[in-house]
Amino acid sequence: MPYRHADRDRVLPAWRDSALCTARTPSEVRPPHGRTADAPQGIHRLSAQFPHTGRIERIFVRPARRTACIELNGTLAVAGRGLEGDRSHGGRRQLSLIQHEHLPVIAALIGAEAIEPALLRRNLVISGINLLALKPLGRERTVDLRIGDVIVRIGQACSPCSRMEEILGAGGYNAMRGHGGMLATILTDGWIKVGSEVRVIHC
């Protein structure tokens, strides 16, 4: 039987009095799946915890575009610019970091036994600390590292460019996706050496 407008008053009053229609304040609403109201703060606390410090394994500078990287045992980092001898002159790409543990993964994805990190054109090869986990959670947050005598601030992911296809061969670009490391800006002058400790000091 079709619903008639006249039936409205016999149907709706029961719903008006139902607990299902009772207005609740935000504090009375339970988050789904057992989450607590401070879940975001909990995630931020977890993101600041690292099992141990990292270590500088290799250092490279790039004198100019399309020139071979030069490997160094140590170099001076210049605040607001980059590593001494590198072609970086400020901006968001002052320093590039790549995960030492990802090198075998990249090699496997391109079908090689190993890969020379100089080919990837990143400044610092870092082991022992998950670089992707350093990416700030939220625009209002920052993550700072002490690398040797230098303090740097983590920026965005260092995504691969099309030249990786040229250097690594067919599929090289996709092999680097997700493994390109992170960018950072340099906050203080100082020396960075192979073997320098990498420590999160603000997260």
Protein backbone atom coordinates (compact mmCIF):
# COMPACT_ATOMS: atom_id res chain seq x y z
CA MET A 1 0.00 0.00 0.00
CA PRO A 2 1.52 3.38 -0.96
CA TYR A 3 2.64 5.67 1.84
CA ARG A 4 0.20 8.52 2.45
CA HIS A 5 1.06 11.95 3.76
CA ALA A 6 -1.64 11.50 6.41
CA ASP A 7 0.33 8.55 7.90
CA ARG A 8 3.27 10.80 8.77
CA ASP A 9 2.07 11.73 12.27
CA ARG A 10 1.54 8.07 13.17
CA VAL A 11 5.10 7.09 12.10
CA LEU A 12 7.42 9.94 13.06
CA PRO A 13 6.62 10.57 16.75
CA ALA A 14 8.10 7.19 17.75
CA TRP A 15 11.33 8.13 16.03
CA ARG A 16 11.41 11.57 17.62
CA ASP A 17 11.47 9.96 21.07
CA SER A 18 13.92 7.25 20.10
CA ALA A 19 17.40 7.16 21.66
CA LEU A 20 18.72 6.86 18.12
CA CYS A 21 17.74 10.45 17.50
CA THR A 22 19.13 11.85 20.74
CA ALA A 23 21.73 14.52 20.02
CA ARG A 24 25.15 13.78 21.50
CA THR A 25 28.14 16.00 22.07
CA PRO A 26 31.43 15.13 20.33
CA SER A 27 32.88 13.87 23.64
CA GLU A 28 30.02 11.35 23.90
CA VAL A 29 30.65 9.87 20.47
CA ARG A 30 32.93 6.84 20.63
CA PRO A 31 35.52 6.76 17.80
CA PRO A 32 35.15 3.76 15.45
CA HIS A 33 37.14 0.52 15.87
CA GLY A 34 38.02 1.24 19.48
CA ARG A 35 40.16 4.27 18.74
CA THR A 36 40.61 6.79 21.50
CA ALA A 37 40.25 10.53 21.11
CA ASP A 38 44.01 11.03 21.46
CA ALA A 39 44.91 8.64 18.63
CA PRO A 40 46.66 11.36 16.55
CA GLN A 41 48.84 12.31 19.52
CA GLY A 42 49.64 8.65 20.06
CA ILE A 43 50.77 8.29 16.45
CA HIS A 44 52.99 11.35 16.79
CA ARG A 45 54.60 9.87 19.89
CA LEU A 46 55.25 6.60 18.07
CA SER A 47 56.71 8.42 15.07
CA ALA A 48 59.34 10.00 17.33
CA GLN A 49 60.70 6.64 18.51
CA PHE A 50 63.60 5.01 16.66
CA PRO A 51 65.33 1.76 17.68
CA HIS A 52 68.84 3.23 17.38
CA THR A 53 70.86 5.94 15.67
CA GLY A 54 72.00 5.87 12.08
CA ARG A 55 75.42 6.14 10.43
CA ILE A 56 76.90 7.85 7.36
CA GLU A 57 78.19 5.13 5.02
CA ARG A 58 79.14 7.14 1.91
CA ILE A 59 79.38 10.83 0.94
CA PHE A 60 79.10 12.22 -2.60
CA VAL A 61 79.09 15.65 -4.17
CA ARG A 62 77.94 16.52 -7.69
CA PRO A 63 80.11 19.29 -9.17
CA ALA A 64 77.70 20.00 -12.04
CA ARG A 65 74.76 18.55 -13.93
CA ARG A 66 75.53 15.33 -15.76
CA THR A 67 79.02 15.08 -14.32
CA ALA A 68 80.17 12.09 -12.30
CA CYS A 69 79.77 12.23 -8.54
CA ILE A 70 82.90 12.60 -6.43
CA GLU A 71 83.16 10.43 -3.33
CA LEU A 72 84.58 12.03 -0.18
CA ASN A 73 85.53 10.84 3.30
CA GLY A 74 84.28 14.13 4.76
CA THR A 75 83.07 17.55 3.72
CA LEU A 76 81.81 20.87 5.03
CA ALA A 77 78.09 21.50 5.12
CA VAL A 78 77.12 25.14 4.60
CA ALA A 79 73.87 26.32 6.19
CA GLY A 80 71.24 27.35 3.67
CA ARG A 81 73.28 26.12 0.70
CA GLY A 82 74.55 22.53 0.64
CA LEU A 83 77.75 20.51 0.80
CA GLU A 84 80.99 22.23 -0.18
CA GLY A 85 81.78 21.26 -3.76
CA ASP A 86 78.21 20.24 -4.59
CA ARG A 87 76.18 21.99 -7.26
CA SER A 88 73.33 22.69 -4.82
CA HIS A 89 72.90 26.41 -4.13
CA GLY A 90 70.11 26.48 -1.59
CA GLY A 91 66.41 25.92 -1.87
CA ARG A 92 64.70 22.70 -0.83
CA ARG A 93 67.32 20.41 -2.38
CA GLN A 94 70.35 21.42 -0.32
CA LEU A 95 71.01 17.85 0.78
CA SER A 96 69.79 14.47 -0.43
CA LEU A 97 69.80 11.32 1.69
CA ILE A 98 69.33 7.72 0.57
CA GLN A 99 68.78 4.54 2.56
CA HIS A 100 71.78 2.19 2.57
CA GLU A 101 69.49 -0.79 3.19
CA HIS A 102 67.51 0.02 0.03
CA LEU A 103 70.48 -0.35 -2.31
CA PRO A 104 70.14 -4.17 -2.60
CA VAL A 105 66.42 -3.71 -3.24
CA ILE A 106 67.05 -1.29 -6.11
CA ALA A 107 69.69 -3.65 -7.52
CA ALA A 108 67.29 -6.59 -7.36
CA LEU A 109 64.54 -4.62 -9.09
CA ILE A 110 66.79 -3.82 -12.07
CA GLY A 111 68.19 -7.36 -12.17
CA ALA A 112 71.69 -6.49 -10.94
CA GLU A 113 73.80 -8.15 -8.26
CA ALA A 114 74.70 -4.79 -6.73
CA ILE A 115 74.46 -1.09 -7.48
CA GLU A 116 77.03 1.67 -7.06
CA PRO A 117 75.30 4.44 -5.03
CA ALA A 118 77.23 7.14 -6.91
CA LEU A 119 74.96 6.36 -9.88
CA LEU A 120 71.93 7.42 -7.86
CA ARG A 121 73.33 10.94 -7.33
CA ARG A 122 72.40 11.35 -3.66
CA ASN A 123 74.73 13.14 -1.23
CA LEU A 124 74.61 10.92 1.83
CA VAL A 125 74.11 7.15 2.12
CA ILE A 126 72.68 6.49 5.58
CA SER A 127 72.23 3.19 7.39
CA GLY A 128 70.46 2.22 10.58
CA ILE A 129 67.54 4.66 10.55
CA ASN A 130 64.40 4.54 8.42
CA LEU A 131 64.58 7.70 6.33
CA LEU A 132 60.98 7.50 5.13
CA ALA A 133 59.86 7.43 8.76
CA LEU A 134 61.47 10.86 9.16
CA LYS A 135 58.88 12.50 6.93
CA PRO A 136 56.92 14.91 9.18
CA LEU A 137 53.35 13.94 10.09
CA GLY A 138 51.50 17.15 9.31
CA ARG A 139 52.58 20.49 7.92
CA GLU A 140 52.99 22.05 11.35
CA ARG A 141 55.61 19.51 12.43
CA THR A 142 59.33 19.40 11.67
CA VAL A 143 61.98 16.69 12.03
CA ASP A 144 65.60 17.70 12.68
CA LEU A 145 68.66 15.45 12.60
CA ARG A 146 72.16 15.89 13.92
CA ILE A 147 74.62 14.46 11.40
CA GLY A 148 78.13 14.75 12.75
CA ASP A 149 78.47 18.43 13.69
CA VAL A 150 75.56 19.52 11.50
CA ILE A 151 71.84 19.99 12.11
CA VAL A 152 69.55 19.42 9.14
CA ARG A 153 65.77 19.58 8.71
CA ILE A 154 64.00 16.85 6.80
CA GLY A 155 61.90 17.96 3.84
CA GLN A 156 60.02 16.04 1.20
CA ALA A 157 60.79 12.71 -0.44
CA CYS A 158 63.55 12.79 -3.07
CA SER A 159 61.61 11.36 -5.98
CA PRO A 160 63.57 9.92 -8.92
CA CYS A 161 63.91 11.83 -12.16
CA SER A 162 63.71 10.46 -15.69
CA ARG A 163 67.49 10.28 -15.84
CA MET A 164 67.37 7.14 -13.66
CA GLU A 165 65.95 5.35 -16.69
CA GLU A 166 68.98 6.48 -18.67
CA ILE A 167 71.49 5.53 -15.97
CA LEU A 168 69.99 2.28 -14.68
CA GLY A 169 68.38 1.03 -17.88
CA ALA A 170 64.80 0.11 -18.73
CA GLY A 171 62.68 0.15 -15.59
CA GLY A 172 65.25 2.12 -13.61
CA TYR A 173 62.82 4.93 -12.89
CA ASN A 174 60.23 2.58 -11.41
CA ALA A 175 62.90 0.68 -9.48
CA MET A 176 63.79 3.92 -7.72
CA ARG A 177 60.21 4.91 -6.88
CA GLY A 178 59.77 4.61 -3.13
CA HIS A 179 63.53 4.19 -2.67
CA GLY A 180 64.79 7.64 -3.67
CA GLY A 181 65.36 8.80 -0.09
CA MET A 182 64.65 12.20 1.43
CA LEU A 183 65.63 15.85 0.92
CA ALA A 184 66.85 18.10 3.72
CA THR A 185 67.88 21.68 4.36
CA ILE A 186 71.03 22.52 6.31
CA LEU A 187 70.45 24.61 9.44
CA THR A 188 74.01 24.88 10.79
CA ASP A 189 77.52 24.84 9.36
CA GLY A 190 79.74 21.91 10.26
CA TRP A 191 81.63 18.82 9.15
CA ILE A 192 80.09 15.55 8.01
CA LYS A 193 82.33 12.50 7.79
CA VAL A 194 81.93 8.85 6.86
CA GLY A 195 81.04 7.10 10.11
CA SER A 196 79.28 10.16 11.58
CA GLU A 197 76.32 9.37 13.79
CA VAL A 198 72.84 10.30 12.56
CA ARG A 199 70.48 11.13 15.43
CA VAL A 200 66.93 12.50 15.57
CA ILE A 201 67.00 15.54 17.87
CA HIS A 202 63.55 17.02 17.22
CA CYS A 203 60.45 15.26 15.98
